[in-house]
Amino acid sequence: MGIIIDDSNYGFPEGVDSLLRLPQYGCVVWVEDGTLYDCEANTFEEAGGTVQSAIDAGQGGEVTAPESQAFLDRVNFHLGTDFQYDNFAGR
């Protein structure tokens, strides 16, 4: 399960259309310019609950080693992306 948030109240920077909360993975993810970013859900809220505040606080980061293809499949399903596990440098 994932929860898509597309409300401008979440402080999306230019290039970010939606935010996906993935409670089962304990994170929040978003895509900016074709790159997948994530932030731990609790840290995201502590940073102010917006993408920009998480970035400003140094909490949001590029995903370089996703947990699994299942994680990426969930992201792909909700955000309409096509991320593949083998294409991440740090896996």
C-alpha atoms as a PDB file:
ATOM      1  CA  MET A   1       0.000   0.000   0.000  1.00  0.00           C
ATOM      2  CA  GLY A   2       1.118   3.535  -0.659  1.00  0.00           C
ATOM      3  CA  ILE A   3      -0.408   6.924  -0.117  1.00  0.00           C
ATOM      4  CA  ILE A   4       0.048   9.469  -2.888  1.00  0.00           C
ATOM      5  CA  ILE A   5       0.069  13.074  -1.851  1.00  0.00           C
ATOM      6  CA  ASP A   6      -0.188  15.723  -4.543  1.00  0.00           C
ATOM      7  CA  ASP A   7      -1.126  18.686  -2.404  1.00  0.00           C
ATOM      8  CA  SER A   8       0.979  21.823  -2.787  1.00  0.00           C
ATOM      9  CA  ASN A   9       0.915  22.196   1.010  1.00  0.00           C
ATOM     10  CA  TYR A  10       3.809  19.733   1.088  1.00  0.00           C
ATOM     11  CA  GLY A  11       6.236  22.232  -0.413  1.00  0.00           C
ATOM     12  CA  PHE A  12       7.162  20.460  -3.610  1.00  0.00           C
ATOM     13  CA  PRO A  13      10.125  22.041  -5.351  1.00  0.00           C
ATOM     14  CA  GLU A  14       9.875  22.604  -9.081  1.00  0.00           C
ATOM     15  CA  GLY A  15       9.969  19.288 -10.906  1.00  0.00           C
ATOM     16  CA  VAL A  16       8.263  17.276  -8.128  1.00  0.00           C
ATOM     17  CA  ASP A  17       4.641  16.452  -8.851  1.00  0.00           C
ATOM     18  CA  SER A  18       3.772  14.048  -6.064  1.00  0.00           C
ATOM     19  CA  LEU A  19       4.994  12.460  -2.901  1.00  0.00           C
ATOM     20  CA  LEU A  20       4.447   8.824  -2.008  1.00  0.00           C
ATOM     21  CA  ARG A  21       4.271   7.668   1.599  1.00  0.00           C
ATOM     22  CA  LEU A  22       5.175   4.010   1.968  1.00  0.00           C
ATOM     23  CA  PRO A  23       4.342   3.087   5.572  1.00  0.00           C
ATOM     24  CA  GLN A  24       5.445  -0.519   5.106  1.00  0.00           C
ATOM     25  CA  TYR A  25       8.937   0.735   4.239  1.00  0.00           C
ATOM     26  CA  GLY A  26       8.886   3.606   6.743  1.00  0.00           C
ATOM     27  CA  CYS A  27       9.704   6.219   4.138  1.00  0.00           C
ATOM     28  CA  VAL A  28       8.463   8.952   1.887  1.00  0.00           C
ATOM     29  CA  VAL A  29       9.634   9.000  -1.750  1.00  0.00           C
ATOM     30  CA  TRP A  30       9.446  11.422  -4.638  1.00  0.00           C
ATOM     31  CA  VAL A  31      10.860  11.727  -8.140  1.00  0.00           C
ATOM     32  CA  GLU A  32      12.606  14.826  -9.375  1.00  0.00           C
ATOM     33  CA  ASP A  33      13.964  15.038 -12.910  1.00  0.00           C
ATOM     34  CA  GLY A  34      13.832  11.247 -13.256  1.00  0.00           C
ATOM     35  CA  THR A  35      15.749  10.597 -10.027  1.00  0.00           C
ATOM     36  CA  LEU A  36      14.229   8.767  -7.065  1.00  0.00           C
ATOM     37  CA  TYR A  37      14.630  10.391  -3.645  1.00  0.00           C
ATOM     38  CA  ASP A  38      13.575   9.212  -0.219  1.00  0.00           C
ATOM     39  CA  CYS A  39      13.439  10.281   3.386  1.00  0.00           C
ATOM     40  CA  GLU A  40      12.559   8.307   6.504  1.00  0.00           C
ATOM     41  CA  ALA A  41       8.932   9.057   7.332  1.00  0.00           C
ATOM     42  CA  ASN A  42       9.632  10.197  10.914  1.00  0.00           C
ATOM     43  CA  THR A  43      12.536  12.376   9.829  1.00  0.00           C
ATOM     44  CA  PHE A  44      10.409  13.877   7.077  1.00  0.00           C
ATOM     45  CA  GLU A  45       7.796  14.977   9.611  1.00  0.00           C
ATOM     46  CA  GLU A  46      10.448  16.276  12.033  1.00  0.00           C
ATOM     47  CA  ALA A  47      11.994  18.352   9.244  1.00  0.00           C
ATOM     48  CA  GLY A  48       8.716  20.180   8.731  1.00  0.00           C
ATOM     49  CA  GLY A  49       6.682  17.760   6.633  1.00  0.00           C
ATOM     50  CA  THR A  50       7.557  19.231   3.246  1.00  0.00           C
ATOM     51  CA  VAL A  51       9.887  18.020   0.542  1.00  0.00           C
ATOM     52  CA  GLN A  52      11.726  21.328   0.574  1.00  0.00           C
ATOM     53  CA  SER A  53      12.145  21.358   4.363  1.00  0.00           C
ATOM     54  CA  ALA A  54      13.513  17.796   4.273  1.00  0.00           C
ATOM     55  CA  ILE A  55      15.979  18.779   1.545  1.00  0.00           C
ATOM     56  CA  ASP A  56      16.976  21.954   3.390  1.00  0.00           C
ATOM     57  CA  ALA A  57      17.550  19.927   6.568  1.00  0.00           C
ATOM     58  CA  GLY A  58      19.738  17.486   4.648  1.00  0.00           C
ATOM     59  CA  GLN A  59      17.270  14.669   5.230  1.00  0.00           C
ATOM     60  CA  GLY A  60      16.089  13.805   1.738  1.00  0.00           C
ATOM     61  CA  GLY A  61      18.524  11.955  -0.447  1.00  0.00           C
ATOM     62  CA  GLU A  62      18.891  10.210  -3.755  1.00  0.00           C
ATOM     63  CA  VAL A  63      18.123   6.508  -3.652  1.00  0.00           C
ATOM     64  CA  THR A  64      21.287   4.688  -4.737  1.00  0.00           C
ATOM     65  CA  ALA A  65      20.649   1.268  -3.168  1.00  0.00           C
ATOM     66  CA  PRO A  66      16.940   0.421  -3.085  1.00  0.00           C
ATOM     67  CA  GLU A  67      15.832  -2.334  -0.749  1.00  0.00           C
ATOM     68  CA  SER A  68      14.429  -4.566  -3.472  1.00  0.00           C
ATOM     69  CA  GLN A  69      12.683  -4.680  -6.809  1.00  0.00           C
ATOM     70  CA  ALA A  70       9.443  -5.096  -4.833  1.00  0.00           C
ATOM     71  CA  PHE A  71      10.040  -1.660  -3.293  1.00  0.00           C
ATOM     72  CA  LEU A  72      10.641  -0.200  -6.752  1.00  0.00           C
ATOM     73  CA  ASP A  73       7.586  -1.987  -8.136  1.00  0.00           C
ATOM     74  CA  ARG A  74       5.484  -0.227  -5.494  1.00  0.00           C
ATOM     75  CA  VAL A  75       7.008   3.136  -6.440  1.00  0.00           C
ATOM     76  CA  ASN A  76       6.545   2.403 -10.150  1.00  0.00           C
ATOM     77  CA  PHE A  77       2.903   1.429  -9.643  1.00  0.00           C
ATOM     78  CA  HIS A  78       1.995   4.593  -7.768  1.00  0.00           C
ATOM     79  CA  LEU A  79       4.176   7.161  -9.510  1.00  0.00           C
ATOM     80  CA  GLY A  80       4.056   5.804 -13.074  1.00  0.00           C
ATOM     81  CA  THR A  81       7.812   5.291 -13.235  1.00  0.00           C
ATOM     82  CA  ASP A  82       9.906   2.359 -14.469  1.00  0.00           C
ATOM     83  CA  PHE A  83      12.762   2.045 -11.985  1.00  0.00           C
ATOM     84  CA  GLN A  84      14.705  -1.227 -12.162  1.00  0.00           C
ATOM     85  CA  TYR A  85      16.815  -2.582  -9.301  1.00  0.00           C
ATOM     86  CA  ASP A  86      19.837  -3.356 -11.505  1.00  0.00           C
ATOM     87  CA  ASN A  87      20.067   0.278 -12.649  1.00  0.00           C
ATOM     88  CA  PHE A  88      21.039   1.658  -9.219  1.00  0.00           C
ATOM     89  CA  ALA A  89      24.741   2.189  -8.600  1.00  0.00           C
ATOM     90  CA  GLY A  90      24.835   1.248  -4.931  1.00  0.00           C
ATOM     91  CA  ARG A  91      22.790  -1.943  -4.934  1.00  0.00           C
END
